[in-house]
């Protein structure tokens, strides 16, 4: 309290001497702002670099550093605010906050239940790591690349370049598909060939074109399985793997691979049939009253 009087008193006296109304209150506000700015700036200049170096020394990746960086900024802000609060003579900041929180616990609980749910879900995302920044994820009817993960929301850039801000509670309550969680992606594509075509030859072409593509892994090796006998074609399913793919890589590799197989099929005379539809039945005409039939010769 003595420090408060010592810091606020001279400012209040000077303001009073020039005739400024509410000199004491204005002096407290000026001291509050000055102390807050000084503590916050010093914290950013001294504590923040130390925390950053410590995280790098421990080898933390971007996924783990982001929430710690945000927590660091919040703690510096809280320290600056509580110090300025006390120095300006507004009383004990933490005690005031505790009193307000105790009086409004019920109202805050109802008002912030979604925020709290998303906050808890954000903590689980950081600890369980169902996905990371840069991962391609799918949930419900949505898909995209994770750009940012905070303690309340996750921001996902869709493949149409739209930015989705998704509450963490939505992601944690839904089934999340992470196609590249293991840094590889398996692609499957069914090639339909005619019943008169050679299955072994078609299989050989499908595997060879996979082996010839630089974007397709040799281990696990490409494979082909006969999966269906359709109405007009025999279905051969190709299974290939690509490494650490983005959505663009996936679409590009699949398109190039399927094109190469189609061109080889054309060269080798292997047919890719399309469904045939036969319309049966007949047309029956009956004499309708009022219509004159042609006279017989």
Protein backbone atom coordinates (compact mmCIF):
# COMPACT_ATOMS: atom_id res chain seq x y z
CA UNK A 1 0.00 0.00 0.00
CA UNK A 2 2.93 2.31 0.76
CA UNK A 3 4.32 1.67 -2.71
CA UNK A 4 0.92 2.47 -4.15
CA UNK A 5 0.68 5.79 -2.35
CA UNK A 6 4.26 6.61 -3.32
CA UNK A 7 3.58 5.94 -7.00
CA UNK A 8 0.08 7.41 -7.33
CA UNK A 9 0.38 10.32 -4.86
CA UNK A 10 2.83 12.53 -6.80
CA UNK A 11 0.90 12.04 -10.02
CA UNK A 12 -2.36 12.95 -8.29
CA UNK A 13 -0.78 16.05 -6.72
CA UNK A 14 0.50 17.29 -10.07
CA UNK A 15 -2.86 16.74 -11.71
CA UNK A 16 -4.60 18.53 -8.82
CA UNK A 17 -2.30 21.51 -9.12
CA UNK A 18 -3.30 22.08 -12.76
CA UNK A 19 -6.99 21.78 -11.91
CA UNK A 20 -7.70 18.36 -13.43
CA UNK A 21 -10.95 16.96 -11.98
CA UNK A 22 -10.92 13.52 -10.34
CA UNK A 23 -7.15 13.78 -10.08
CA UNK A 24 -6.81 10.72 -7.83
CA UNK A 25 -8.79 8.44 -10.16
CA UNK A 26 -7.01 9.66 -13.27
CA UNK A 27 -3.65 9.26 -11.53
CA UNK A 28 -4.51 5.66 -10.67
CA UNK A 29 -5.48 4.96 -14.29
CA UNK A 30 -2.25 6.50 -15.60
CA UNK A 31 -0.15 4.47 -13.16
CA UNK A 32 -2.13 1.34 -14.07
CA UNK A 33 -1.51 1.80 -17.82
CA UNK A 34 2.17 2.70 -17.37
CA UNK A 35 2.94 -0.26 -15.10
CA UNK A 36 0.98 -2.67 -17.28
CA UNK A 37 2.81 -1.60 -20.47
CA UNK A 38 6.24 -1.72 -18.81
CA UNK A 39 5.72 -5.18 -17.27
CA UNK A 40 4.17 -6.62 -20.42
CA UNK A 41 6.89 -5.29 -22.74
CA UNK A 42 9.66 -6.43 -20.38
CA UNK A 43 8.03 -9.85 -20.19
CA UNK A 44 7.89 -10.15 -23.97
CA UNK A 45 11.52 -9.03 -24.29
CA UNK A 46 12.95 -11.25 -21.55
CA UNK A 47 10.68 -14.16 -20.58
CA UNK A 48 9.31 -14.93 -24.06
CA UNK A 49 12.73 -15.56 -25.71
CA UNK A 50 13.79 -17.77 -22.78
CA UNK A 51 10.65 -19.91 -23.11
CA UNK A 52 11.11 -20.15 -26.89
CA UNK A 53 14.73 -21.29 -26.51
CA UNK A 54 13.71 -23.82 -23.86
CA UNK A 55 11.05 -25.34 -26.15
CA UNK A 56 13.50 -25.59 -29.04
CA UNK A 57 16.11 -27.16 -26.78
CA UNK A 58 13.60 -29.86 -25.82
CA UNK A 59 12.87 -30.53 -29.50
CA UNK A 60 9.15 -29.69 -29.34
CA UNK A 61 7.44 -29.61 -32.74
CA UNK A 62 5.03 -26.93 -33.95
CA UNK A 63 2.02 -28.93 -32.74
CA UNK A 64 3.29 -28.75 -29.13
CA UNK A 65 4.81 -25.25 -29.28
CA UNK A 66 1.68 -23.39 -30.36
CA UNK A 67 -0.42 -23.88 -27.19
CA UNK A 68 2.63 -23.21 -24.99
CA UNK A 69 3.31 -19.97 -26.86
CA UNK A 70 -0.28 -18.88 -26.28
CA UNK A 71 -0.12 -19.89 -22.63
CA UNK A 72 3.14 -17.92 -22.24
CA UNK A 73 1.51 -14.75 -23.65
CA UNK A 74 -1.48 -15.21 -21.36
CA UNK A 75 0.71 -15.60 -18.25
CA UNK A 76 2.74 -12.49 -19.11
CA UNK A 77 -0.51 -10.60 -19.62
CA UNK A 78 -1.87 -11.86 -16.28
CA UNK A 79 1.30 -10.91 -14.39
CA UNK A 80 1.34 -7.43 -15.95
CA UNK A 81 -2.36 -6.93 -15.22
CA UNK A 82 -2.19 -8.07 -11.58
CA UNK A 83 0.96 -5.99 -10.92
CA UNK A 84 -0.57 -2.88 -12.47
CA UNK A 85 -3.83 -3.51 -10.61
CA UNK A 86 -2.07 -3.53 -7.23
CA UNK A 87 0.37 -0.71 -7.97
CA UNK A 88 -2.44 1.63 -9.03
CA UNK A 89 -4.21 1.08 -5.72
CA UNK A 90 -7.16 -0.89 -7.02
CA UNK A 91 -6.58 -3.61 -4.42
CA UNK A 92 -5.53 -7.23 -4.80
CA UNK A 93 -6.27 -8.29 -8.37
CA UNK A 94 -6.43 -12.03 -7.72
CA UNK A 95 -8.66 -11.55 -4.68
CA UNK A 96 -11.01 -9.33 -6.67
CA UNK A 97 -11.18 -11.87 -9.48
CA UNK A 98 -11.84 -14.68 -7.01
CA UNK A 99 -14.68 -12.72 -5.39
CA UNK A 100 -16.30 -11.94 -8.74
CA UNK A 101 -15.89 -15.53 -9.91
CA UNK A 102 -17.43 -16.91 -6.72
CA UNK A 103 -20.43 -14.61 -7.06
CA UNK A 104 -20.98 -15.43 -10.73
CA UNK A 105 -19.99 -19.10 -10.86
CA UNK A 106 -23.43 -20.37 -11.79
CA UNK A 107 -24.05 -17.76 -14.50
CA UNK A 108 -20.58 -18.19 -15.96
CA UNK A 109 -20.98 -21.96 -15.92
CA UNK A 110 -24.12 -21.80 -18.04
CA UNK A 111 -22.76 -19.09 -20.33
CA UNK A 112 -19.41 -20.73 -20.92
CA UNK A 113 -20.34 -24.40 -21.04
CA UNK A 114 -19.65 -24.59 -24.80
CA UNK A 115 -16.39 -22.68 -24.36
CA UNK A 116 -15.32 -25.02 -21.56
CA UNK A 117 -16.29 -28.07 -23.61
CA UNK A 118 -14.24 -26.83 -26.56
CA UNK A 119 -11.33 -25.95 -24.25
CA UNK A 120 -11.29 -29.45 -22.75
CA UNK A 121 -11.57 -30.96 -26.24
CA UNK A 122 -8.61 -28.82 -27.31
CA UNK A 123 -6.52 -30.23 -24.48
CA UNK A 124 -7.38 -33.78 -25.61
CA UNK A 125 -6.40 -32.90 -29.19
CA UNK A 126 -2.98 -31.77 -27.95
CA UNK A 127 -2.47 -34.84 -25.76
CA UNK A 128 -4.01 -37.57 -27.94
CA UNK A 129 -2.77 -36.04 -31.23
CA UNK A 130 -5.47 -37.48 -33.53
CA UNK A 131 -4.10 -35.01 -36.09
CA UNK A 132 -1.39 -32.37 -36.38
CA UNK A 133 -0.91 -29.08 -38.18
CA UNK A 134 -0.45 -29.85 -41.87
CA UNK A 135 -2.46 -33.10 -41.74
CA UNK A 136 -5.27 -33.77 -44.18
CA UNK A 137 -8.36 -34.76 -42.16
CA UNK A 138 -11.96 -35.69 -42.97
CA UNK A 139 -15.01 -35.54 -40.72
CA UNK A 140 -18.69 -35.73 -41.67
CA UNK A 141 -19.02 -34.19 -45.14
CA UNK A 142 -15.96 -31.96 -44.68
CA UNK A 143 -12.28 -32.38 -45.55
CA UNK A 144 -9.21 -30.20 -45.59
CA UNK A 145 -5.71 -29.47 -44.29
CA UNK A 146 -5.23 -28.38 -40.67
CA UNK A 147 -3.72 -24.87 -40.56
CA UNK A 148 -3.98 -24.04 -36.86
CA UNK A 149 -5.01 -25.69 -33.60
CA UNK A 150 -5.92 -23.52 -30.62
CA UNK A 151 -7.41 -24.46 -27.28
CA UNK A 152 -10.93 -23.56 -28.50
CA UNK A 153 -11.08 -24.03 -32.27
CA UNK A 154 -9.24 -25.71 -35.12
CA UNK A 155 -8.85 -23.97 -38.47
CA UNK A 156 -8.99 -26.16 -41.56
CA UNK A 157 -8.33 -25.07 -45.15
CA UNK A 158 -10.61 -27.00 -47.51
CA UNK A 159 -9.52 -28.15 -50.95
CA UNK A 160 -11.72 -25.39 -52.41
CA UNK A 161 -9.50 -22.90 -50.49
CA UNK A 162 -12.19 -22.12 -47.92
CA UNK A 163 -11.13 -21.62 -44.29
CA UNK A 164 -13.29 -23.52 -41.78
CA UNK A 165 -13.15 -22.54 -38.10
CA UNK A 166 -14.31 -25.68 -36.31
CA UNK A 167 -15.00 -25.84 -32.53
CA UNK A 168 -12.79 -28.51 -30.99
CA UNK A 169 -15.83 -30.09 -29.35
CA UNK A 170 -17.28 -30.83 -32.80
CA UNK A 171 -14.11 -32.62 -33.91
CA UNK A 172 -13.76 -34.64 -30.71
CA UNK A 173 -17.40 -35.75 -30.79
CA UNK A 174 -17.22 -36.89 -34.43
CA UNK A 175 -15.26 -39.60 -36.22
CA UNK A 176 -12.05 -38.06 -37.57
CA UNK A 177 -10.41 -39.70 -40.57
CA UNK A 178 -6.72 -38.94 -40.91
CA UNK A 179 -5.65 -40.60 -44.19
CA UNK A 180 -1.98 -39.65 -43.71
CA UNK A 181 -1.55 -40.34 -39.98
CA UNK A 182 1.20 -42.87 -40.75
CA UNK A 183 2.78 -40.62 -43.41
CA UNK A 184 1.65 -42.92 -46.21
CA UNK A 185 -1.61 -43.29 -48.08
CA UNK A 186 -3.03 -46.34 -49.83
CA UNK A 187 -4.99 -45.68 -53.00
CA UNK A 188 -7.43 -48.16 -54.52
CA UNK A 189 -8.84 -48.06 -58.03
CA UNK A 190 -10.93 -50.62 -59.89
CA UNK A 191 -10.15 -51.17 -63.58
CA UNK A 192 -12.91 -52.90 -65.53
CA UNK A 193 -11.85 -55.15 -68.41
CA UNK A 194 -13.89 -57.22 -70.83
CA UNK A 195 -14.76 -60.86 -70.17
CA UNK A 196 -12.80 -61.90 -73.28
CA UNK A 197 -9.61 -60.09 -72.16
CA UNK A 198 -6.63 -61.76 -70.50
CA UNK A 199 -6.74 -61.15 -66.74
CA UNK A 200 -3.05 -61.98 -66.21
CA UNK A 201 -1.96 -59.56 -68.93
CA UNK A 202 -4.14 -56.78 -67.56
CA UNK A 203 -2.79 -57.42 -64.04
CA UNK A 204 0.79 -57.26 -65.34
CA UNK A 205 0.13 -53.88 -67.00
CA UNK A 206 -1.50 -52.42 -63.87
CA UNK A 207 1.47 -53.44 -61.70
CA UNK A 208 4.10 -52.31 -64.23
CA UNK A 209 2.60 -48.84 -64.56
CA UNK A 210 2.58 -48.52 -60.76
CA UNK A 211 6.24 -49.52 -60.59
CA UNK A 212 7.11 -47.04 -63.35
CA UNK A 213 5.55 -44.06 -61.52
CA UNK A 214 8.02 -42.12 -59.31
CA UNK A 215 5.30 -41.08 -56.87
CA UNK A 216 4.24 -44.66 -56.05
CA UNK A 217 6.15 -46.65 -53.42
CA UNK A 218 7.85 -49.96 -54.14
CA UNK A 219 7.42 -50.97 -50.48
CA UNK A 220 4.63 -51.79 -49.82
CA UNK A 221 4.53 -53.19 -53.32
CA UNK A 222 1.61 -52.53 -55.70
CA UNK A 223 -0.94 -55.33 -55.83
CA UNK A 224 -3.98 -56.29 -57.89
CA UNK A 225 -7.04 -58.29 -56.83
CA UNK A 226 -10.04 -59.51 -58.82
CA UNK A 227 -12.91 -58.01 -56.84
CA UNK A 228 -16.04 -58.28 -58.98
CA UNK A 229 -17.70 -59.93 -61.92
CA UNK A 230 -19.98 -57.22 -63.21
CA UNK A 231 -22.72 -57.23 -65.80
CA UNK A 232 -20.32 -56.17 -68.55
CA UNK A 233 -16.83 -56.19 -67.05
CA UNK A 234 -14.37 -57.94 -64.75
CA UNK A 235 -13.20 -55.65 -61.95
CA UNK A 236 -9.47 -55.63 -61.10
CA UNK A 237 -8.69 -53.54 -58.02
CA UNK A 238 -5.24 -51.94 -57.92
CA UNK A 239 -3.74 -51.09 -54.49
CA UNK A 240 -0.84 -48.66 -54.45
CA UNK A 241 0.89 -46.57 -51.76
CA UNK A 242 2.22 -43.01 -51.88
CA UNK A 243 4.42 -41.43 -49.24
CA UNK A 244 3.63 -38.34 -47.07
CA UNK A 245 0.95 -37.12 -49.48
CA UNK A 246 -1.08 -33.95 -49.55
CA UNK A 247 -4.48 -33.89 -51.20
CA UNK A 248 -2.91 -32.40 -54.34
CA UNK A 249 -0.35 -35.24 -54.49
CA UNK A 250 -3.09 -37.83 -54.10
CA UNK A 251 -5.20 -36.44 -56.95
CA UNK A 252 -2.19 -35.89 -59.23
CA UNK A 253 -0.66 -39.35 -58.71
CA UNK A 254 -3.96 -41.15 -59.14
CA UNK A 255 -4.78 -39.23 -62.33
CA UNK A 256 -1.37 -39.89 -63.90
CA UNK A 257 -1.45 -43.56 -62.91
CA UNK A 258 -4.94 -44.26 -64.24
CA UNK A 259 -4.11 -42.43 -67.48
CA UNK A 260 -0.96 -44.53 -67.96
CA UNK A 261 -2.86 -47.78 -67.40
CA UNK A 262 -5.61 -46.72 -69.82
CA UNK A 263 -3.05 -45.91 -72.53
CA UNK A 264 -1.33 -49.29 -72.04
CA UNK A 265 -4.68 -51.08 -72.24
CA UNK A 266 -5.33 -49.32 -75.56
CA UNK A 267 -1.90 -50.35 -76.87
CA UNK A 268 -2.35 -53.99 -75.84
CA UNK A 269 -5.92 -54.20 -77.13
CA UNK A 270 -7.50 -54.69 -73.70
CA UNK A 271 -11.05 -53.46 -73.71
CA UNK A 272 -12.60 -51.27 -71.00
CA UNK A 273 -16.29 -51.93 -71.61
CA UNK A 274 -19.17 -49.68 -70.68
CA UNK A 275 -22.51 -50.99 -69.45
CA UNK A 276 -24.96 -52.13 -72.11
CA UNK A 277 -28.68 -51.72 -71.64
CA UNK A 278 -31.22 -53.69 -73.68
CA UNK A 279 -34.79 -52.46 -73.78
CA UNK A 280 -37.28 -55.31 -74.31
CA UNK A 281 -41.01 -55.58 -74.79
CA UNK A 282 -43.43 -54.74 -77.59
CA UNK A 283 -45.93 -52.16 -78.67
CA UNK A 284 -49.58 -53.16 -78.81
CA UNK A 285 -52.20 -51.08 -80.62
CA UNK A 286 -55.88 -51.47 -79.98
CA UNK A 287 -58.81 -50.05 -81.96
CA UNK A 288 -60.06 -46.98 -80.17
CA UNK A 289 -63.64 -45.96 -80.56
CA UNK A 290 -63.93 -42.90 -82.75
CA UNK A 291 -60.96 -43.70 -84.93
CA UNK A 292 -61.87 -44.79 -88.47
CA UNK A 293 -59.97 -47.87 -89.62
CA UNK A 294 -58.77 -47.91 -93.25
CA UNK A 295 -61.16 -49.66 -95.64
CA UNK A 296 -60.18 -53.06 -96.88
CA UNK A 297 -59.47 -53.40 -100.56
